């Protein structure tokens, strides 16, 4: 079963991540200066810590002494557990790591793990994440026929999967927690117990606190591209998504249609215009890199 999604982490994706690491794992060479900040890695759907062995080896080789923890939780089929349950489990795992790193930690989260991490950063009011790297994660949801869907729901296609996912029973599966059908927006907003909440698309009493918590992140790096092969649309990795006609709207294009949208998609835009706690030049920058693997976005939130 791991092959359906686990094979989606080829060496190529790890190689694409490597150029960002020297920028994030900064430390002065002098012995008396602080060491490299610890790195925490969260895997994706049907994955395990084993999937990141090459990344672990690379960090150990290029940045000796870096404490790297690839969390070994919700592996394989357990990754289908509801995402809020996973958020709680990963939260318990990262708290002691953060407590030992007063200078902060780096968070690398792959695929479904990127959603787990984003929720984690929203609900933790005392996290000290310096850099959050979202690697090919469906940040605005998923709407596409893929092998894992055909395995889990063999009689359903993307056009009718909402009947399952937008039911109380369906929300017990992680993939339904971020299933986003652009043709049934009302059902999505009413039934989604995870994505609609962390996106702030549905009002809830914790929205303001979650936004404040997320703003504690020092830097956000989003990585994805048209050759992804699974995330649909692939622009979801950059908070882009389909409209009702299945035309992809980029992050910025969605704002006029959702003037009260309080998701991270909106706060990223707001931070670019007016960074919090500072009066100088905004710290947020969007970098569209036209490599063969697609664009990338980097945004500093402080």
Protein backbone atom coordinates (compact mmCIF):
# COMPACT_ATOMS: atom_id res chain seq x y z
CA UNK A 1 0.00 0.00 0.00
CA UNK A 2 2.86 2.38 0.69
CA UNK A 3 3.69 2.33 -2.98
CA UNK A 4 0.59 4.32 -3.95
CA UNK A 5 1.84 7.48 -2.28
CA UNK A 6 5.19 6.59 -0.84
CA UNK A 7 6.77 6.35 -4.28
CA UNK A 8 5.80 9.98 -4.74
CA UNK A 9 8.88 11.04 -2.79
CA UNK A 10 11.61 10.29 -5.36
CA UNK A 11 15.14 11.56 -4.95
CA UNK A 12 14.21 14.44 -7.27
CA UNK A 13 11.94 16.08 -4.69
CA UNK A 14 14.64 15.83 -2.05
CA UNK A 15 17.15 17.36 -4.47
CA UNK A 16 14.81 20.28 -5.11
CA UNK A 17 14.68 20.95 -1.40
CA UNK A 18 18.46 20.93 -0.92
CA UNK A 19 19.19 24.44 -2.34
CA UNK A 20 16.98 25.96 0.36
CA UNK A 21 18.79 24.29 3.25
CA UNK A 22 21.96 26.44 3.26
CA UNK A 23 19.72 29.50 3.56
CA UNK A 24 17.78 28.07 6.46
CA UNK A 25 20.33 26.11 8.47
CA UNK A 26 22.52 29.11 9.20
CA UNK A 27 25.24 29.08 11.82
CA UNK A 28 28.51 30.92 12.32
CA UNK A 29 31.69 28.85 12.12
CA UNK A 30 33.14 30.26 15.32
CA UNK A 31 33.02 27.67 18.14
CA UNK A 32 31.43 30.05 20.60
CA UNK A 33 28.50 30.87 18.33
CA UNK A 34 25.17 29.06 18.39
CA UNK A 35 24.92 25.69 16.66
CA UNK A 36 22.58 24.84 13.81
CA UNK A 37 18.93 24.93 14.69
CA UNK A 38 17.24 21.53 15.00
CA UNK A 39 15.25 20.25 12.04
CA UNK A 40 11.91 18.47 12.40
CA UNK A 41 10.52 16.51 9.45
CA UNK A 42 6.88 15.44 9.07
CA UNK A 43 6.02 12.86 6.39
CA UNK A 44 2.97 12.63 4.16
CA UNK A 45 0.17 10.22 3.36
CA UNK A 46 1.19 6.53 3.42
CA UNK A 47 4.80 7.56 4.11
CA UNK A 48 7.11 6.90 7.03
CA UNK A 49 10.36 8.26 8.40
CA UNK A 50 12.23 5.87 6.08
CA UNK A 51 11.15 7.96 3.09
CA UNK A 52 13.41 10.79 4.28
CA UNK A 53 16.60 8.83 4.87
CA UNK A 54 18.40 10.57 1.98
CA UNK A 55 17.48 14.02 3.26
CA UNK A 56 18.64 13.02 6.74
CA UNK A 57 21.96 11.82 5.34
CA UNK A 58 22.43 15.02 3.35
CA UNK A 59 21.83 17.30 6.33
CA UNK A 60 24.16 15.24 8.52
CA UNK A 61 26.85 15.37 5.85
CA UNK A 62 26.64 19.06 4.96
CA UNK A 63 25.76 20.43 8.41
CA UNK A 64 27.47 18.15 10.95
CA UNK A 65 26.02 18.44 14.41
CA UNK A 66 22.51 19.39 13.28
CA UNK A 67 19.88 17.58 15.28
CA UNK A 68 17.42 16.16 12.75
CA UNK A 69 14.26 14.40 13.89
CA UNK A 70 12.09 12.63 11.33
CA UNK A 71 8.95 12.00 13.33
CA UNK A 72 7.88 8.37 13.16
CA UNK A 73 4.15 8.79 13.78
CA UNK A 74 1.03 7.83 11.82
CA UNK A 75 3.02 5.76 9.35
CA UNK A 76 1.49 3.89 6.42
CA UNK A 77 -2.23 3.33 6.77
CA UNK A 78 -2.25 5.16 10.10
CA UNK A 79 -1.77 8.34 8.06
CA UNK A 80 -5.44 8.02 7.12
CA UNK A 81 -6.41 8.90 10.69
CA UNK A 82 -8.32 12.21 11.04
CA UNK A 83 -5.95 15.14 10.74
CA UNK A 84 -6.90 16.75 14.03
CA UNK A 85 -5.92 13.50 15.74
CA UNK A 86 -2.60 13.61 13.91
CA UNK A 87 -2.06 17.27 14.82
CA UNK A 88 -2.40 16.35 18.49
CA UNK A 89 0.01 13.45 18.15
CA UNK A 90 2.65 15.48 16.33
CA UNK A 91 2.18 18.33 18.78
CA UNK A 92 3.08 16.07 21.68
CA UNK A 93 6.16 14.95 19.75
CA UNK A 94 7.50 18.41 18.85
CA UNK A 95 6.98 20.13 22.22
CA UNK A 96 10.03 18.55 23.90
CA UNK A 97 12.17 19.20 20.79
CA UNK A 98 11.22 22.87 20.80
CA UNK A 99 11.81 23.11 24.54
CA UNK A 100 15.45 22.10 24.01
CA UNK A 101 15.92 24.66 21.22
CA UNK A 102 15.39 28.17 22.61
CA UNK A 103 16.78 29.68 19.39
CA UNK A 104 14.07 28.00 17.32
CA UNK A 105 13.63 25.04 14.99
CA UNK A 106 13.10 24.41 11.28
CA UNK A 107 10.04 22.47 10.15
CA UNK A 108 10.03 20.50 6.88
CA UNK A 109 6.65 19.01 6.03
CA UNK A 110 5.82 16.90 3.01
CA UNK A 111 2.49 16.57 1.20
CA UNK A 112 -0.31 15.85 3.69
CA UNK A 113 2.23 16.62 6.39
CA UNK A 114 2.25 20.24 5.24
CA UNK A 115 -1.38 20.56 6.30
CA UNK A 116 -0.65 18.88 9.63
CA UNK A 117 2.16 21.35 10.22
CA UNK A 118 0.10 24.38 9.24
CA UNK A 119 -2.60 23.38 11.69
CA UNK A 120 0.06 22.70 14.30
CA UNK A 121 1.47 26.19 13.89
CA UNK A 122 -2.02 27.64 14.22
CA UNK A 123 -2.99 25.89 17.45
CA UNK A 124 0.36 26.21 19.27
CA UNK A 125 0.63 29.59 20.95
CA UNK A 126 4.17 28.94 22.14
CA UNK A 127 5.88 27.37 19.13
CA UNK A 128 9.29 28.63 18.09
CA UNK A 129 9.41 27.61 14.42
CA UNK A 130 11.92 29.77 12.57
CA UNK A 131 11.31 28.28 9.10
CA UNK A 132 8.36 26.28 7.82
CA UNK A 133 9.02 24.50 4.52
CA UNK A 134 5.88 23.13 2.87
CA UNK A 135 7.00 20.60 0.28
CA UNK A 136 4.33 19.75 -2.30
CA UNK A 137 1.40 20.13 0.08
CA UNK A 138 -2.26 20.64 -0.91
CA UNK A 139 -2.60 23.83 1.12
CA UNK A 140 -5.88 24.79 -0.52
CA UNK A 141 -7.11 21.22 -0.83
CA UNK A 142 -7.17 18.39 -3.35
CA UNK A 143 -9.55 17.75 -6.25
CA UNK A 144 -8.23 15.08 -8.58
CA UNK A 145 -8.47 11.38 -9.43
CA UNK A 146 -5.34 9.62 -8.16
CA UNK A 147 -4.32 6.06 -7.40
CA UNK A 148 -4.83 6.34 -3.67
CA UNK A 149 -8.41 7.56 -4.17
CA UNK A 150 -9.17 4.68 -6.51
CA UNK A 151 -7.81 2.27 -3.93
CA UNK A 152 -9.70 3.76 -1.00
CA UNK A 153 -12.94 4.62 -2.80
CA UNK A 154 -13.03 2.28 -5.84
CA UNK A 155 -16.59 3.16 -6.83
CA UNK A 156 -16.16 6.93 -6.64
CA UNK A 157 -14.64 9.52 -8.96
CA UNK A 158 -13.77 13.07 -8.09
CA UNK A 159 -17.13 14.30 -9.39
CA UNK A 160 -19.10 12.36 -6.78
CA UNK A 161 -16.59 11.81 -3.98
CA UNK A 162 -18.10 14.76 -2.13
CA UNK A 163 -21.02 12.47 -1.20
CA UNK A 164 -18.60 10.45 0.92
CA UNK A 165 -16.11 13.07 2.04
CA UNK A 166 -18.71 15.61 3.11
CA UNK A 167 -20.38 13.19 5.48
CA UNK A 168 -19.51 12.58 9.15
CA UNK A 169 -18.19 9.14 8.18
CA UNK A 170 -16.01 10.54 5.41
CA UNK A 171 -14.45 13.15 7.67
CA UNK A 172 -12.92 10.27 9.63
CA UNK A 173 -10.42 9.86 6.77
CA UNK A 174 -7.54 12.30 6.49
CA UNK A 175 -7.84 12.75 2.73
CA UNK A 176 -11.48 13.79 3.12
CA UNK A 177 -10.36 16.42 5.63
CA UNK A 178 -8.84 18.36 2.73
CA UNK A 179 -11.03 17.21 -0.15
CA UNK A 180 -12.12 20.45 -1.78
CA UNK A 181 -14.82 20.15 -4.43
CA UNK A 182 -15.15 23.51 -6.22
CA UNK A 183 -18.59 22.53 -7.54
CA UNK A 184 -20.07 22.03 -4.06
CA UNK A 185 -18.64 24.93 -2.13
CA UNK A 186 -21.54 25.17 0.33
CA UNK A 187 -21.24 21.50 1.27
CA UNK A 188 -17.48 21.89 1.68
CA UNK A 189 -17.80 24.91 3.97
CA UNK A 190 -20.44 23.24 6.13
CA UNK A 191 -18.92 19.76 6.31
CA UNK A 192 -15.16 20.27 6.31
CA UNK A 193 -13.92 19.70 9.83
CA UNK A 194 -10.32 20.62 9.05
CA UNK A 195 -9.37 22.54 5.90
CA UNK A 196 -12.22 25.06 6.02
CA UNK A 197 -11.23 25.81 9.62
CA UNK A 198 -7.50 26.26 9.22
CA UNK A 199 -8.18 28.31 6.08
CA UNK A 200 -10.56 30.50 8.06
CA UNK A 201 -13.22 29.94 5.41
CA UNK A 202 -15.73 29.16 8.12
CA UNK A 203 -16.11 31.32 11.21
CA UNK A 204 -14.98 29.79 14.46
CA UNK A 205 -14.04 31.26 17.86
CA UNK A 206 -10.33 30.42 17.55
CA UNK A 207 -9.74 32.18 14.22
CA UNK A 208 -8.01 35.26 15.66
CA UNK A 209 -5.77 33.25 17.97
CA UNK A 210 -4.81 30.82 15.21
CA UNK A 211 -3.85 33.70 12.93
CA UNK A 212 -1.69 35.23 15.66
CA UNK A 213 0.00 31.91 16.34
CA UNK A 214 0.80 31.34 12.69
CA UNK A 215 2.41 34.77 12.47
CA UNK A 216 5.05 33.56 14.92
CA UNK A 217 6.70 31.71 12.02
CA UNK A 218 9.88 33.40 10.87
CA UNK A 219 9.92 32.25 7.24
CA UNK A 220 7.57 30.31 5.03
CA UNK A 221 8.81 28.44 1.96
CA UNK A 222 6.34 26.82 -0.43
CA UNK A 223 7.63 24.28 -2.96
CA UNK A 224 5.64 22.66 -5.75
CA UNK A 225 5.37 22.45 -9.51
CA UNK A 226 3.42 21.27 -12.57
CA UNK A 227 5.21 17.91 -12.64
CA UNK A 228 3.88 17.01 -9.19
CA UNK A 229 1.57 14.31 -10.57
CA UNK A 230 -0.67 14.04 -7.50
CA UNK A 231 -1.60 17.41 -5.99
CA UNK A 232 -4.52 18.69 -8.07
CA UNK A 233 -4.41 21.45 -9.00
CA UNK A 234 -0.69 21.63 -8.39
CA UNK A 235 -1.09 25.36 -7.62
CA UNK A 236 -2.72 24.28 -4.36
CA UNK A 237 0.85 24.07 -3.06
CA UNK A 238 0.88 27.89 -3.38
CA UNK A 239 -2.65 28.49 -2.06
CA UNK A 240 -4.05 28.55 -5.58
CA UNK A 241 -7.19 26.60 -6.45
CA UNK A 242 -10.04 26.03 -8.88
CA UNK A 243 -13.05 28.26 -9.20
CA UNK A 244 -16.43 26.75 -10.11
CA UNK A 245 -15.33 26.51 -13.76
CA UNK A 246 -12.13 24.67 -12.78
CA UNK A 247 -10.04 27.65 -13.75
CA UNK A 248 -7.11 27.98 -11.39
CA UNK A 249 -7.07 31.18 -9.37
CA UNK A 250 -3.71 32.11 -7.92
CA UNK A 251 -3.45 33.18 -4.30
CA UNK A 252 -3.71 36.88 -5.10
CA UNK A 253 -6.63 36.42 -7.51
CA UNK A 254 -8.82 34.81 -4.86
CA UNK A 255 -8.79 37.79 -2.54
CA UNK A 256 -11.37 40.00 -4.30
CA UNK A 257 -13.85 37.13 -4.32
CA UNK A 258 -13.39 36.50 -0.59
CA UNK A 259 -13.04 39.92 1.06
CA UNK A 260 -13.44 38.46 4.57
CA UNK A 261 -11.22 35.44 3.96
CA UNK A 262 -8.98 35.14 7.05
CA UNK A 263 -6.91 32.18 5.93
CA UNK A 264 -3.14 32.10 5.73
CA UNK A 265 -3.66 32.84 2.05
CA UNK A 266 -5.05 36.25 3.04
CA UNK A 267 -2.63 36.89 5.86
CA UNK A 268 0.30 36.25 3.51
CA UNK A 269 -1.04 38.99 1.27
CA UNK A 270 -1.58 41.32 4.22
CA UNK A 271 1.88 40.68 5.60
CA UNK A 272 3.37 41.57 2.22
CA UNK A 273 1.57 44.89 2.37
CA UNK A 274 2.06 45.65 6.04
CA UNK A 275 4.36 43.43 8.08
CA UNK A 276 3.41 43.10 11.77
CA UNK A 277 5.37 44.82 14.51
CA UNK A 278 7.56 46.67 12.02
CA UNK A 279 7.42 49.91 10.07
CA UNK A 280 10.25 49.28 7.67
CA UNK A 281 10.10 47.65 4.26
CA UNK A 282 7.84 44.56 4.14
CA UNK A 283 9.66 41.30 4.76
CA UNK A 284 7.54 39.24 2.40
CA UNK A 285 8.76 38.54 -1.08
CA UNK A 286 7.34 36.31 -3.77
CA UNK A 287 9.92 34.61 -5.95
CA UNK A 288 8.67 32.88 -9.09
CA UNK A 289 11.46 30.57 -10.14
CA UNK A 290 10.94 29.22 -13.64
CA UNK A 291 13.05 26.10 -13.31
CA UNK A 292 11.92 22.87 -14.90
CA UNK A 293 10.21 21.87 -11.66
CA UNK A 294 7.97 24.91 -11.51
CA UNK A 295 7.70 28.08 -9.44
CA UNK A 296 8.59 28.55 -5.83
CA UNK A 297 7.46 31.03 -3.20
CA UNK A 298 9.33 32.28 -0.18
CA UNK A 299 7.76 34.55 2.37
CA UNK A 300 9.18 35.96 5.59
CA UNK A 301 6.50 36.58 8.20
CA UNK A 302 8.51 38.61 10.66
